[in-house]
Amino acid sequence: LGQLGTRAFVWRLSRSGALEDAQPIALPAASYIHDFTATDRHIVILLQPWLYEAHALPVLDGLRWRPEQGTKVLVLDKDD
C-alpha cells in the first residue's frame, strides 16, 4: 500500500484562528490517530496499533488491529 497514512499535517493557527502554516510530518506507521495534546513546548500524539492497511469505505473497514505493534508516543518540539 506504499504511502498510505505515513504522513500527518501539523497546523499552526493564529490567535484569531487563521491558518499560519501547515507542515507534513513523517509517521512511523499508518496509525489511526484519535488523541493528541499540546504543552507549551511540545505536541504529543498517540499512535495506536489500529493501522490503515487498505483503502476502504467506510474508512474504518481499512483498519486492522495489530497489538504486536504496540502504542507509540510521538513527541514533537513546537520550535521544529
PDB file of N, CA and C in Angstrom:
ATOM      1  N   LEU A   1       0.809  -1.200   0.000  1.00  0.00           N
ATOM      2  CA  LEU A   1       0.000   0.000   0.000  1.00  0.00           C
ATOM      3  C   LEU A   1       0.851   1.262   0.000  1.00  0.00           C
ATOM      4  N   GLY A   2       2.141   1.098   0.047  1.00  0.00           N
ATOM      5  CA  GLY A   2       3.029   2.245  -0.119  1.00  0.00           C
ATOM      6  C   GLY A   2       2.872   3.290   0.966  1.00  0.00           C
ATOM      7  N   GLN A   3       2.494   4.500   0.595  1.00  0.00           N
ATOM      8  CA  GLN A   3       2.487   5.654   1.480  1.00  0.00           C
ATOM      9  C   GLN A   3       1.190   5.837   2.258  1.00  0.00           C
ATOM     10  N   LEU A   4       0.312   4.861   2.283  1.00  0.00           N
ATOM     11  CA  LEU A   4      -0.972   5.005   2.955  1.00  0.00           C
ATOM     12  C   LEU A   4      -0.784   5.403   4.415  1.00  0.00           C
ATOM     13  N   GLY A   5      -1.165   6.626   4.749  1.00  0.00           N
ATOM     14  CA  GLY A   5      -1.169   7.074   6.135  1.00  0.00           C
ATOM     15  C   GLY A   5       0.173   7.281   6.791  1.00  0.00           C
ATOM     16  N   THR A   6       1.231   7.485   6.021  1.00  0.00           N
ATOM     17  CA  THR A   6       2.550   7.631   6.637  1.00  0.00           C
ATOM     18  C   THR A   6       2.935   9.087   6.896  1.00  0.00           C
ATOM     19  N   ARG A   7       1.992  10.002   6.690  1.00  0.00           N
ATOM     20  CA  ARG A   7       2.245  11.408   6.997  1.00  0.00           C
ATOM     21  C   ARG A   7       1.008  12.016   7.654  1.00  0.00           C
ATOM     22  N   ALA A   8       1.251  13.035   8.447  1.00  0.00           N
ATOM     23  CA  ALA A   8       0.174  13.820   9.042  1.00  0.00           C
ATOM     24  C   ALA A   8       0.566  15.289   8.895  1.00  0.00           C
ATOM     25  N   PHE A   9      -0.411  16.158   8.942  1.00  0.00           N
ATOM     26  CA  PHE A   9      -0.134  17.585   8.872  1.00  0.00           C
ATOM     27  C   PHE A   9      -0.313  18.215  10.239  1.00  0.00           C
ATOM     28  N   VAL A  10       0.639  19.063  10.599  1.00  0.00           N
ATOM     29  CA  VAL A  10       0.553  19.849  11.828  1.00  0.00           C
ATOM     30  C   VAL A  10       0.278  21.284  11.397  1.00  0.00           C
ATOM     31  N   TRP A  11      -0.811  21.809  11.888  1.00  0.00           N
ATOM     32  CA  TRP A  11      -1.224  23.164  11.546  1.00  0.00           C
ATOM     33  C   TRP A  11      -0.867  24.120  12.668  1.00  0.00           C
ATOM     34  N   ARG A  12      -0.467  25.327  12.290  1.00  0.00           N
ATOM     35  CA  ARG A  12      -0.268  26.399  13.271  1.00  0.00           C
ATOM     36  C   ARG A  12      -1.307  27.467  12.986  1.00  0.00           C
ATOM     37  N   LEU A  13      -2.104  27.786  13.987  1.00  0.00           N
ATOM     38  CA  LEU A  13      -3.156  28.780  13.853  1.00  0.00           C
ATOM     39  C   LEU A  13      -2.798  30.026  14.639  1.00  0.00           C
ATOM     40  N   SER A  14      -3.236  31.169  14.143  1.00  0.00           N
ATOM     41  CA  SER A  14      -3.050  32.416  14.883  1.00  0.00           C
ATOM     42  C   SER A  14      -4.058  32.471  16.030  1.00  0.00           C
ATOM     43  N   ARG A  15      -3.914  33.446  16.892  1.00  0.00           N
ATOM     44  CA  ARG A  15      -4.860  33.601  18.000  1.00  0.00           C
ATOM     45  C   ARG A  15      -6.288  33.794  17.496  1.00  0.00           C
ATOM     46  N   SER A  16      -6.440  34.372  16.297  1.00  0.00           N
ATOM     47  CA  SER A  16      -7.777  34.598  15.735  1.00  0.00           C
ATOM     48  C   SER A  16      -8.320  33.356  15.033  1.00  0.00           C
ATOM     49  N   GLY A  17      -7.479  32.312  14.910  1.00  0.00           N
ATOM     50  CA  GLY A  17      -7.913  31.078  14.268  1.00  0.00           C
ATOM     51  C   GLY A  17      -7.521  30.961  12.808  1.00  0.00           C
ATOM     52  N   ALA A  18      -6.818  31.953  12.281  1.00  0.00           N
ATOM     53  CA  ALA A  18      -6.381  31.911  10.885  1.00  0.00           C
ATOM     54  C   ALA A  18      -5.202  30.946  10.732  1.00  0.00           C
ATOM     55  N   LEU A  19      -5.166  30.233   9.624  1.00  0.00           N
ATOM     56  CA  LEU A  19      -4.068  29.313   9.344  1.00  0.00           C
ATOM     57  C   LEU A  19      -2.791  30.086   9.054  1.00  0.00           C
ATOM     58  N   GLU A  20      -1.747  29.831   9.829  1.00  0.00           N
ATOM     59  CA  GLU A  20      -0.450  30.470   9.619  1.00  0.00           C
ATOM     60  C   GLU A  20       0.513  29.568   8.865  1.00  0.00           C
ATOM     61  N   ASP A  21       0.430  28.252   9.120  1.00  0.00           N
ATOM     62  CA  ASP A  21       1.351  27.316   8.494  1.00  0.00           C
ATOM     63  C   ASP A  21       0.778  25.911   8.619  1.00  0.00           C
ATOM     64  N   ALA A  22       1.158  25.046   7.691  1.00  0.00           N
ATOM     65  CA  ALA A  22       0.796  23.628   7.754  1.00  0.00           C
ATOM     66  C   ALA A  22       1.964  22.839   7.189  1.00  0.00           C
ATOM     67  N   GLN A  23       2.514  21.951   7.988  1.00  0.00           N
ATOM     68  CA  GLN A  23       3.682  21.174   7.576  1.00  0.00           C
ATOM     69  C   GLN A  23       3.408  19.691   7.731  1.00  0.00           C
ATOM     70  N   PRO A  24       3.809  18.877   6.741  1.00  0.00           N
ATOM     71  CA  PRO A  24       3.674  17.430   6.899  1.00  0.00           C
ATOM     72  C   PRO A  24       4.776  16.895   7.805  1.00  0.00           C
ATOM     73  N   ILE A  25       4.433  15.890   8.582  1.00  0.00           N
ATOM     74  CA  ILE A  25       5.421  15.180   9.390  1.00  0.00           C
ATOM     75  C   ILE A  25       5.348  13.707   9.018  1.00  0.00           C
ATOM     76  N   ALA A  26       6.475  13.039   9.079  1.00  0.00           N
ATOM     77  CA  ALA A  26       6.513  11.602   8.796  1.00  0.00           C
ATOM     78  C   ALA A  26       6.053  10.834  10.023  1.00  0.00           C
ATOM     79  N   LEU A  27       5.279   9.793   9.781  1.00  0.00           N
ATOM     80  CA  LEU A  27       4.827   8.916  10.865  1.00  0.00           C
ATOM     81  C   LEU A  27       5.535   7.576  10.740  1.00  0.00           C
ATOM     82  N   PRO A  28       5.816   6.911  11.859  1.00  0.00           N
ATOM     83  CA  PRO A  28       6.483   5.616  11.787  1.00  0.00           C
ATOM     84  C   PRO A  28       5.584   4.493  11.282  1.00  0.00           C
ATOM     85  N   ALA A  29       4.271   4.727  11.285  1.00  0.00           N
ATOM     86  CA  ALA A  29       3.325   3.725  10.799  1.00  0.00           C
ATOM     87  C   ALA A  29       2.037   4.442  10.415  1.00  0.00           C
ATOM     88  N   ALA A  30       1.200   3.764   9.668  1.00  0.00           N
ATOM     89  CA  ALA A  30      -0.077   4.327   9.242  1.00  0.00           C
ATOM     90  C   ALA A  30      -1.115   4.121  10.340  1.00  0.00           C
ATOM     91  N   SER A  31      -0.899   4.744  11.472  1.00  0.00           N
ATOM     92  CA  SER A  31      -1.743   4.570  12.652  1.00  0.00           C
ATOM     93  C   SER A  31      -2.987   5.443  12.599  1.00  0.00           C
ATOM     94  N   TYR A  32      -4.040   4.931  13.197  1.00  0.00           N
ATOM     95  CA  TYR A  32      -5.234   5.730  13.431  1.00  0.00           C
ATOM     96  C   TYR A  32      -4.899   6.691  14.567  1.00  0.00           C
ATOM     97  N   ILE A  33      -5.042   7.981  14.317  1.00  0.00           N
ATOM     98  CA  ILE A  33      -4.729   8.993  15.325  1.00  0.00           C
ATOM     99  C   ILE A  33      -6.046   9.551  15.848  1.00  0.00           C
ATOM    100  N   HIS A  34      -6.334   9.268  17.105  1.00  0.00           N
ATOM    101  CA  HIS A  34      -7.562   9.745  17.725  1.00  0.00           C
ATOM    102  C   HIS A  34      -7.269  10.844  18.738  1.00  0.00           C
ATOM    103  N   ASP A  35      -6.146  10.727  19.431  1.00  0.00           N
ATOM    104  CA  ASP A  35      -5.858  11.647  20.523  1.00  0.00           C
ATOM    105  C   ASP A  35      -4.506  12.325  20.352  1.00  0.00           C
ATOM    106  N   PHE A  36      -4.458  13.571  20.782  1.00  0.00           N
ATOM    107  CA  PHE A  36      -3.200  14.300  20.879  1.00  0.00           C
ATOM    108  C   PHE A  36      -3.391  15.382  21.927  1.00  0.00           C
ATOM    109  N   THR A  37      -2.289  15.954  22.355  1.00  0.00           N
ATOM    110  CA  THR A  37      -2.346  17.081  23.283  1.00  0.00           C
ATOM    111  C   THR A  37      -1.173  18.001  22.979  1.00  0.00           C
ATOM    112  N   ALA A  38      -1.193  19.164  23.566  1.00  0.00           N
ATOM    113  CA  ALA A  38      -0.111  20.123  23.377  1.00  0.00           C
ATOM    114  C   ALA A  38       0.263  20.725  24.725  1.00  0.00           C
ATOM    115  N   THR A  39       1.552  20.934  24.898  1.00  0.00           N
ATOM    116  CA  THR A  39       2.065  21.650  26.060  1.00  0.00           C
ATOM    117  C   THR A  39       2.615  22.969  25.543  1.00  0.00           C
ATOM    118  N   ASP A  40       3.241  23.734  26.399  1.00  0.00           N
ATOM    119  CA  ASP A  40       3.849  24.987  25.953  1.00  0.00           C
ATOM    120  C   ASP A  40       4.905  24.757  24.879  1.00  0.00           C
ATOM    121  N   ARG A  41       5.628  23.632  24.976  1.00  0.00           N
ATOM    122  CA  ARG A  41       6.766  23.404  24.079  1.00  0.00           C
ATOM    123  C   ARG A  41       6.603  22.235  23.123  1.00  0.00           C
ATOM    124  N   HIS A  42       5.617  21.351  23.361  1.00  0.00           N
ATOM    125  CA  HIS A  42       5.541  20.121  22.581  1.00  0.00           C
ATOM    126  C   HIS A  42       4.121  19.798  22.111  1.00  0.00           C
ATOM    127  N   ILE A  43       4.058  19.006  21.068  1.00  0.00           N
ATOM    128  CA  ILE A  43       2.830  18.362  20.626  1.00  0.00           C
ATOM    129  C   ILE A  43       3.051  16.872  20.870  1.00  0.00           C
ATOM    130  N   VAL A  44       2.091  16.221  21.520  1.00  0.00           N
ATOM    131  CA  VAL A  44       2.207  14.808  21.860  1.00  0.00           C
ATOM    132  C   VAL A  44       1.068  14.062  21.160  1.00  0.00           C
ATOM    133  N   ILE A  45       1.440  13.086  20.317  1.00  0.00           N
ATOM    134  CA  ILE A  45       0.466  12.348  19.521  1.00  0.00           C
ATOM    135  C   ILE A  45       0.561  10.871  19.871  1.00  0.00           C
ATOM    136  N   LEU A  46      -0.582  10.254  20.178  1.00  0.00           N
ATOM    137  CA  LEU A  46      -0.629   8.822  20.453  1.00  0.00           C
ATOM    138  C   LEU A  46      -0.899   8.076  19.153  1.00  0.00           C
ATOM    139  N   LEU A  47      -0.018   7.135  18.829  1.00  0.00           N
ATOM    140  CA  LEU A  47      -0.152   6.314  17.624  1.00  0.00           C
ATOM    141  C   LEU A  47      -0.570   4.918  18.065  1.00  0.00           C
ATOM    142  N   GLN A  48      -1.841   4.632  17.894  1.00  0.00           N
ATOM    143  CA  GLN A  48      -2.393   3.352  18.314  1.00  0.00           C
ATOM    144  C   GLN A  48      -2.055   2.256  17.305  1.00  0.00           C
ATOM    145  N   PRO A  49      -2.134   1.001  17.722  1.00  0.00           N
ATOM    146  CA  PRO A  49      -1.879  -0.084  16.776  1.00  0.00           C
ATOM    147  C   PRO A  49      -3.090  -0.428  15.888  1.00  0.00           C
ATOM    148  N   TRP A  50      -4.005   0.523  15.726  1.00  0.00           N
ATOM    149  CA  TRP A  50      -5.008   0.417  14.666  1.00  0.00           C
ATOM    150  C   TRP A  50      -4.322   0.970  13.426  1.00  0.00           C
ATOM    151  N   LEU A  51      -4.017   0.121  12.461  1.00  0.00           N
ATOM    152  CA  LEU A  51      -3.249   0.537  11.290  1.00  0.00           C
ATOM    153  C   LEU A  51      -4.112   0.539  10.039  1.00  0.00           C
ATOM    154  N   TYR A  52      -3.945   1.583   9.247  1.00  0.00           N
ATOM    155  CA  TYR A  52      -4.607   1.645   7.948  1.00  0.00           C
ATOM    156  C   TYR A  52      -3.879   0.686   7.019  1.00  0.00           C
ATOM    157  N   GLU A  53      -4.565  -0.348   6.569  1.00  0.00           N
ATOM    158  CA  GLU A  53      -3.942  -1.338   5.698  1.00  0.00           C
ATOM    159  C   GLU A  53      -4.628  -1.436   4.342  1.00  0.00           C
ATOM    160  N   ALA A  54      -5.730  -0.714   4.167  1.00  0.00           N
ATOM    161  CA  ALA A  54      -6.433  -0.767   2.885  1.00  0.00           C
ATOM    162  C   ALA A  54      -7.255   0.498   2.702  1.00  0.00           C
ATOM    163  N   HIS A  55      -7.398   0.911   1.453  1.00  0.00           N
ATOM    164  CA  HIS A  55      -8.350   1.977   1.134  1.00  0.00           C
ATOM    165  C   HIS A  55      -9.726   1.343   1.155  1.00  0.00           C
ATOM    166  N   ALA A  56     -10.622   1.877   1.962  1.00  0.00           N
ATOM    167  CA  ALA A  56     -11.952   1.283   2.079  1.00  0.00           C
ATOM    168  C   ALA A  56     -12.959   2.347   2.490  1.00  0.00           C
ATOM    169  N   LEU A  57     -14.192   2.095   2.172  1.00  0.00           N
ATOM    170  CA  LEU A  57     -15.311   2.904   2.640  1.00  0.00           C
ATOM    171  C   LEU A  57     -16.300   1.978   3.321  1.00  0.00           C
ATOM    172  N   PRO A  58     -16.694   2.260   4.504  1.00  0.00           N
ATOM    173  CA  PRO A  58     -16.196   3.353   5.335  1.00  0.00           C
ATOM    174  C   PRO A  58     -14.724   3.144   5.699  1.00  0.00           C
ATOM    175  N   VAL A  59     -14.060   4.221   6.047  1.00  0.00           N
ATOM    176  CA  VAL A  59     -12.622   4.191   6.335  1.00  0.00           C
ATOM    177  C   VAL A  59     -12.283   3.148   7.398  1.00  0.00           C
ATOM    178  N   LEU A  60     -13.155   2.984   8.376  1.00  0.00           N
ATOM    179  CA  LEU A  60     -12.889   2.014   9.449  1.00  0.00           C
ATOM    180  C   LEU A  60     -12.697   0.599   8.925  1.00  0.00           C
ATOM    181  N   ASP A  61     -13.278   0.275   7.786  1.00  0.00           N
ATOM    182  CA  ASP A  61     -13.102  -1.062   7.218  1.00  0.00           C
ATOM    183  C   ASP A  61     -11.670  -1.315   6.742  1.00  0.00           C
ATOM    184  N   GLY A  62     -10.888  -0.271   6.561  1.00  0.00           N
ATOM    185  CA  GLY A  62      -9.496  -0.418   6.148  1.00  0.00           C
ATOM    186  C   GLY A  62      -8.518  -0.539   7.305  1.00  0.00           C
ATOM    187  N   LEU A  63      -9.021  -0.429   8.544  1.00  0.00           N
ATOM    188  CA  LEU A  63      -8.171  -0.521   9.730  1.00  0.00           C
ATOM    189  C   LEU A  63      -8.044  -1.962  10.201  1.00  0.00           C
ATOM    190  N   ARG A  64      -6.861  -2.300  10.694  1.00  0.00           N
ATOM    191  CA  ARG A  64      -6.616  -3.613  11.289  1.00  0.00           C
ATOM    192  C   ARG A  64      -5.954  -3.412  12.643  1.00  0.00           C
ATOM    193  N   TRP A  65      -6.373  -4.196  13.631  1.00  0.00           N
ATOM    194  CA  TRP A  65      -5.798  -4.138  14.975  1.00  0.00           C
ATOM    195  C   TRP A  65      -4.530  -4.971  14.988  1.00  0.00           C
ATOM    196  N   ARG A  66      -3.397  -4.350  15.282  1.00  0.00           N
ATOM    197  CA  ARG A  66      -2.090  -5.006  15.311  1.00  0.00           C
ATOM    198  C   ARG A  66      -1.434  -4.758  16.663  1.00  0.00           C
ATOM    199  N   PRO A  67      -1.911  -5.444  17.727  1.00  0.00           N
ATOM    200  CA  PRO A  67      -1.377  -5.184  19.074  1.00  0.00           C
ATOM    201  C   PRO A  67       0.111  -5.463  19.190  1.00  0.00           C
ATOM    202  N   GLU A  68       0.650  -6.335  18.358  1.00  0.00           N
ATOM    203  CA  GLU A  68       2.088  -6.618  18.408  1.00  0.00           C
ATOM    204  C   GLU A  68       2.919  -5.377  18.048  1.00  0.00           C
ATOM    205  N   GLN A  69       2.307  -4.390  17.389  1.00  0.00           N
ATOM    206  CA  GLN A  69       2.997  -3.140  17.044  1.00  0.00           C
ATOM    207  C   GLN A  69       3.112  -2.203  18.244  1.00  0.00           C
ATOM    208  N   GLY A  70       2.228  -2.390  19.227  1.00  0.00           N
ATOM    209  CA  GLY A  70       2.237  -1.539  20.409  1.00  0.00           C
ATOM    210  C   GLY A  70       1.782  -0.116  20.123  1.00  0.00           C
ATOM    211  N   THR A  71       1.513   0.613  21.183  1.00  0.00           N
ATOM    212  CA  THR A  71       1.178   2.031  21.070  1.00  0.00           C
ATOM    213  C   THR A  71       2.466   2.824  21.118  1.00  0.00           C
ATOM    214  N   LYS A  72       2.574   3.800  20.224  1.00  0.00           N
ATOM    215  CA  LYS A  72       3.759   4.658  20.186  1.00  0.00           C
ATOM    216  C   LYS A  72       3.342   6.076  20.570  1.00  0.00           C
ATOM    217  N   VAL A  73       4.263   6.809  21.176  1.00  0.00           N
ATOM    218  CA  VAL A  73       4.019   8.187  21.546  1.00  0.00           C
ATOM    219  C   VAL A  73       5.005   9.059  20.773  1.00  0.00           C
ATOM    220  N   LEU A  74       4.465   9.924  19.934  1.00  0.00           N
ATOM    221  CA  LEU A  74       5.277  10.815  19.111  1.00  0.00           C
ATOM    222  C   LEU A  74       5.275  12.195  19.778  1.00  0.00           C
ATOM    223  N   VAL A  75       6.474  12.691  20.134  1.00  0.00           N
ATOM    224  CA  VAL A  75       6.610  13.984  20.781  1.00  0.00           C
ATOM    225  C   VAL A  75       7.325  14.929  19.823  1.00  0.00           C
ATOM    226  N   LEU A  76       6.650  16.029  19.482  1.00  0.00           N
ATOM    227  CA  LEU A  76       7.197  16.999  18.530  1.00  0.00           C
ATOM    228  C   LEU A  76       7.525  18.292  19.262  1.00  0.00           C
ATOM    229  N   ASP A  77       8.697  18.827  19.013  1.00  0.00           N
ATOM    230  CA  ASP A  77       9.083  20.125  19.551  1.00  0.00           C
ATOM    231  C   ASP A  77       8.405  21.185  18.697  1.00  0.00           C
ATOM    232  N   LYS A  78       7.657  22.092  19.296  1.00  0.00           N
ATOM    233  CA  LYS A  78       6.947  23.123  18.540  1.00  0.00           C
ATOM    234  C   LYS A  78       7.896  24.047  17.780  1.00  0.00           C
ATOM    235  N   ASP A  79       9.146  24.147  18.208  1.00  0.00           N
ATOM    236  CA  ASP A  79      10.101  25.029  17.532  1.00  0.00           C
ATOM    237  C   ASP A  79      10.665  24.418  16.259  1.00  0.00           C
ATOM    238  N   ASP A  80      10.428  23.126  16.037  1.00  0.00           N
ATOM    239  CA  ASP A  80      10.969  22.464  14.836  1.00  0.00           C
ATOM    240  C   ASP A  80      10.087  22.737  13.636  1.00  0.00           C
TER     241      ASP A  80
END
